């Protein structure tokens, strides 16, 4: 069973970097539109629709950020756990090597 499960800690780090990039890009897209005011666009109906969109975009971006932050925290915790297991395993193997045992082979 264990030989089918592999975790690449480097890929976890890359995933975290991508998640953080998503949040940054969402915020950049939203803030890029903040300087455009609805009253600069045209009709009152269009102005109202633009204001509503801006409010909803902001709310959606904030909710998405919260979810991405929660996922990031989970991935960070898993990454740390895998790194700790790898370090402990490395230590144990070095200890076995130093003590001259071969893990039960005779």
C-alpha atoms as a PDB file:
ATOM      1  CA  UNK A   1       0.000   0.000   0.000  1.00  0.00           C
ATOM      2  CA  UNK A   2       2.731   2.501   0.936  1.00  0.00           C
ATOM      3  CA  UNK A   3       4.556   2.088  -2.360  1.00  0.00           C
ATOM      4  CA  UNK A   4       1.643   3.731  -4.203  1.00  0.00           C
ATOM      5  CA  UNK A   5       1.669   6.888  -2.099  1.00  0.00           C
ATOM      6  CA  UNK A   6       4.367   9.464  -2.676  1.00  0.00           C
ATOM      7  CA  UNK A   7       4.593  13.082  -1.608  1.00  0.00           C
ATOM      8  CA  UNK A   8       6.912  15.600  -3.151  1.00  0.00           C
ATOM      9  CA  UNK A   9       7.536  18.333  -0.581  1.00  0.00           C
ATOM     10  CA  UNK A  10       8.859  20.574  -3.334  1.00  0.00           C
ATOM     11  CA  UNK A  11       5.556  20.306  -5.176  1.00  0.00           C
ATOM     12  CA  UNK A  12       3.709  21.245  -1.985  1.00  0.00           C
ATOM     13  CA  UNK A  13       5.868  24.365  -1.760  1.00  0.00           C
ATOM     14  CA  UNK A  14       5.119  25.170  -5.414  1.00  0.00           C
ATOM     15  CA  UNK A  15       1.390  24.655  -4.784  1.00  0.00           C
ATOM     16  CA  UNK A  16       1.547  27.125  -1.892  1.00  0.00           C
ATOM     17  CA  UNK A  17       3.316  29.628  -4.123  1.00  0.00           C
ATOM     18  CA  UNK A  18       0.585  29.223  -6.772  1.00  0.00           C
ATOM     19  CA  UNK A  19      -2.187  29.699  -4.196  1.00  0.00           C
ATOM     20  CA  UNK A  20      -0.568  32.898  -2.953  1.00  0.00           C
ATOM     21  CA  UNK A  21      -0.236  34.072  -6.558  1.00  0.00           C
ATOM     22  CA  UNK A  22      -3.962  33.503  -7.119  1.00  0.00           C
ATOM     23  CA  UNK A  23      -4.841  35.740  -4.185  1.00  0.00           C
ATOM     24  CA  UNK A  24      -2.432  38.413  -5.392  1.00  0.00           C
ATOM     25  CA  UNK A  25      -3.848  38.342  -8.942  1.00  0.00           C
ATOM     26  CA  UNK A  26      -7.443  38.526  -7.718  1.00  0.00           C
ATOM     27  CA  UNK A  27      -6.610  41.574  -5.655  1.00  0.00           C
ATOM     28  CA  UNK A  28      -4.696  43.199  -8.501  1.00  0.00           C
ATOM     29  CA  UNK A  29      -7.602  42.704 -10.906  1.00  0.00           C
ATOM     30  CA  UNK A  30     -10.069  44.153  -8.427  1.00  0.00           C
ATOM     31  CA  UNK A  31      -7.938  47.139  -7.497  1.00  0.00           C
ATOM     32  CA  UNK A  32      -7.204  47.876 -11.160  1.00  0.00           C
ATOM     33  CA  UNK A  33     -10.901  48.611 -11.608  1.00  0.00           C
ATOM     34  CA  UNK A  34     -11.295  50.707  -8.455  1.00  0.00           C
ATOM     35  CA  UNK A  35     -10.204  53.926 -10.096  1.00  0.00           C
ATOM     36  CA  UNK A  36     -13.007  53.655 -12.661  1.00  0.00           C
ATOM     37  CA  UNK A  37     -16.120  55.107 -11.081  1.00  0.00           C
ATOM     38  CA  UNK A  38     -19.554  54.195 -12.270  1.00  0.00           C
ATOM     39  CA  UNK A  39     -20.450  57.828 -12.956  1.00  0.00           C
ATOM     40  CA  UNK A  40     -17.687  57.937 -15.574  1.00  0.00           C
ATOM     41  CA  UNK A  41     -19.148  55.153 -17.695  1.00  0.00           C
ATOM     42  CA  UNK A  42     -22.505  56.343 -18.908  1.00  0.00           C
ATOM     43  CA  UNK A  43     -26.152  55.728 -18.177  1.00  0.00           C
ATOM     44  CA  UNK A  44     -27.501  55.537 -14.625  1.00  0.00           C
ATOM     45  CA  UNK A  45     -28.477  51.884 -15.192  1.00  0.00           C
ATOM     46  CA  UNK A  46     -24.960  51.009 -16.342  1.00  0.00           C
ATOM     47  CA  UNK A  47     -23.476  53.019 -13.475  1.00  0.00           C
ATOM     48  CA  UNK A  48     -25.576  51.084 -10.964  1.00  0.00           C
ATOM     49  CA  UNK A  49     -24.623  47.752 -12.525  1.00  0.00           C
ATOM     50  CA  UNK A  50     -20.932  48.665 -12.367  1.00  0.00           C
ATOM     51  CA  UNK A  51     -21.172  49.670  -8.713  1.00  0.00           C
ATOM     52  CA  UNK A  52     -22.976  46.425  -7.892  1.00  0.00           C
ATOM     53  CA  UNK A  53     -20.368  44.413  -9.782  1.00  0.00           C
ATOM     54  CA  UNK A  54     -17.541  46.162  -7.909  1.00  0.00           C
ATOM     55  CA  UNK A  55     -19.174  45.379  -4.553  1.00  0.00           C
ATOM     56  CA  UNK A  56     -19.795  41.734  -5.472  1.00  0.00           C
ATOM     57  CA  UNK A  57     -16.297  41.345  -6.922  1.00  0.00           C
ATOM     58  CA  UNK A  58     -14.814  42.670  -3.686  1.00  0.00           C
ATOM     59  CA  UNK A  59     -16.947  40.332  -1.563  1.00  0.00           C
ATOM     60  CA  UNK A  60     -16.163  37.333  -3.788  1.00  0.00           C
ATOM     61  CA  UNK A  61     -12.441  38.104  -3.783  1.00  0.00           C
ATOM     62  CA  UNK A  62     -12.451  38.382   0.016  1.00  0.00           C
ATOM     63  CA  UNK A  63     -14.287  35.046   0.376  1.00  0.00           C
ATOM     64  CA  UNK A  64     -11.941  33.382  -2.111  1.00  0.00           C
ATOM     65  CA  UNK A  65      -8.953  34.726  -0.187  1.00  0.00           C
ATOM     66  CA  UNK A  66     -10.324  33.265   3.055  1.00  0.00           C
ATOM     67  CA  UNK A  67     -10.732  29.856   1.422  1.00  0.00           C
ATOM     68  CA  UNK A  68      -7.292  29.969  -0.184  1.00  0.00           C
ATOM     69  CA  UNK A  69      -5.754  31.022   3.135  1.00  0.00           C
ATOM     70  CA  UNK A  70      -7.397  28.047   4.861  1.00  0.00           C
ATOM     71  CA  UNK A  71      -6.165  25.664   2.165  1.00  0.00           C
ATOM     72  CA  UNK A  72      -2.684  27.192   2.389  1.00  0.00           C
ATOM     73  CA  UNK A  73      -2.561  26.657   6.151  1.00  0.00           C
ATOM     74  CA  UNK A  74      -3.527  22.999   5.688  1.00  0.00           C
ATOM     75  CA  UNK A  75      -0.929  22.469   2.973  1.00  0.00           C
ATOM     76  CA  UNK A  76       1.737  24.197   5.111  1.00  0.00           C
ATOM     77  CA  UNK A  77       0.907  21.921   8.048  1.00  0.00           C
ATOM     78  CA  UNK A  78       1.074  18.828   5.822  1.00  0.00           C
ATOM     79  CA  UNK A  79       4.336  19.972   4.264  1.00  0.00           C
ATOM     80  CA  UNK A  80       5.838  20.500   7.709  1.00  0.00           C
ATOM     81  CA  UNK A  81       4.626  17.066   8.806  1.00  0.00           C
ATOM     82  CA  UNK A  82       6.198  15.355   5.794  1.00  0.00           C
ATOM     83  CA  UNK A  83       9.455  17.208   6.363  1.00  0.00           C
ATOM     84  CA  UNK A  84       9.497  16.124  10.014  1.00  0.00           C
ATOM     85  CA  UNK A  85       8.874  12.506   9.031  1.00  0.00           C
ATOM     86  CA  UNK A  86      11.655  12.655   6.444  1.00  0.00           C
ATOM     87  CA  UNK A  87      14.063  14.126   9.008  1.00  0.00           C
ATOM     88  CA  UNK A  88      13.149  11.513  11.617  1.00  0.00           C
ATOM     89  CA  UNK A  89      13.529   8.715   9.084  1.00  0.00           C
ATOM     90  CA  UNK A  90      16.892  10.042   7.976  1.00  0.00           C
ATOM     91  CA  UNK A  91      18.027  10.216  11.605  1.00  0.00           C
ATOM     92  CA  UNK A  92      16.824   6.692  12.301  1.00  0.00           C
ATOM     93  CA  UNK A  93      18.568   5.308   9.230  1.00  0.00           C
ATOM     94  CA  UNK A  94      21.815   7.047  10.180  1.00  0.00           C
ATOM     95  CA  UNK A  95      21.510   5.622  13.680  1.00  0.00           C
ATOM     96  CA  UNK A  96      20.996   2.124  12.287  1.00  0.00           C
ATOM     97  CA  UNK A  97      23.977   2.577   9.977  1.00  0.00           C
ATOM     98  CA  UNK A  98      26.205   3.754  12.843  1.00  0.00           C
ATOM     99  CA  UNK A  99      25.192   0.898  15.107  1.00  0.00           C
ATOM    100  CA  UNK A 100      26.086  -1.604  12.398  1.00  0.00           C
ATOM    101  CA  UNK A 101      22.732  -3.331  12.204  1.00  0.00           C
ATOM    102  CA  UNK A 102      21.079  -4.050   8.919  1.00  0.00           C
ATOM    103  CA  UNK A 103      17.465  -3.914  10.029  1.00  0.00           C
ATOM    104  CA  UNK A 104      17.191  -7.561  11.040  1.00  0.00           C
ATOM    105  CA  UNK A 105      19.267  -9.246   8.314  1.00  0.00           C
ATOM    106  CA  UNK A 106      21.652 -11.897   9.539  1.00  0.00           C
END
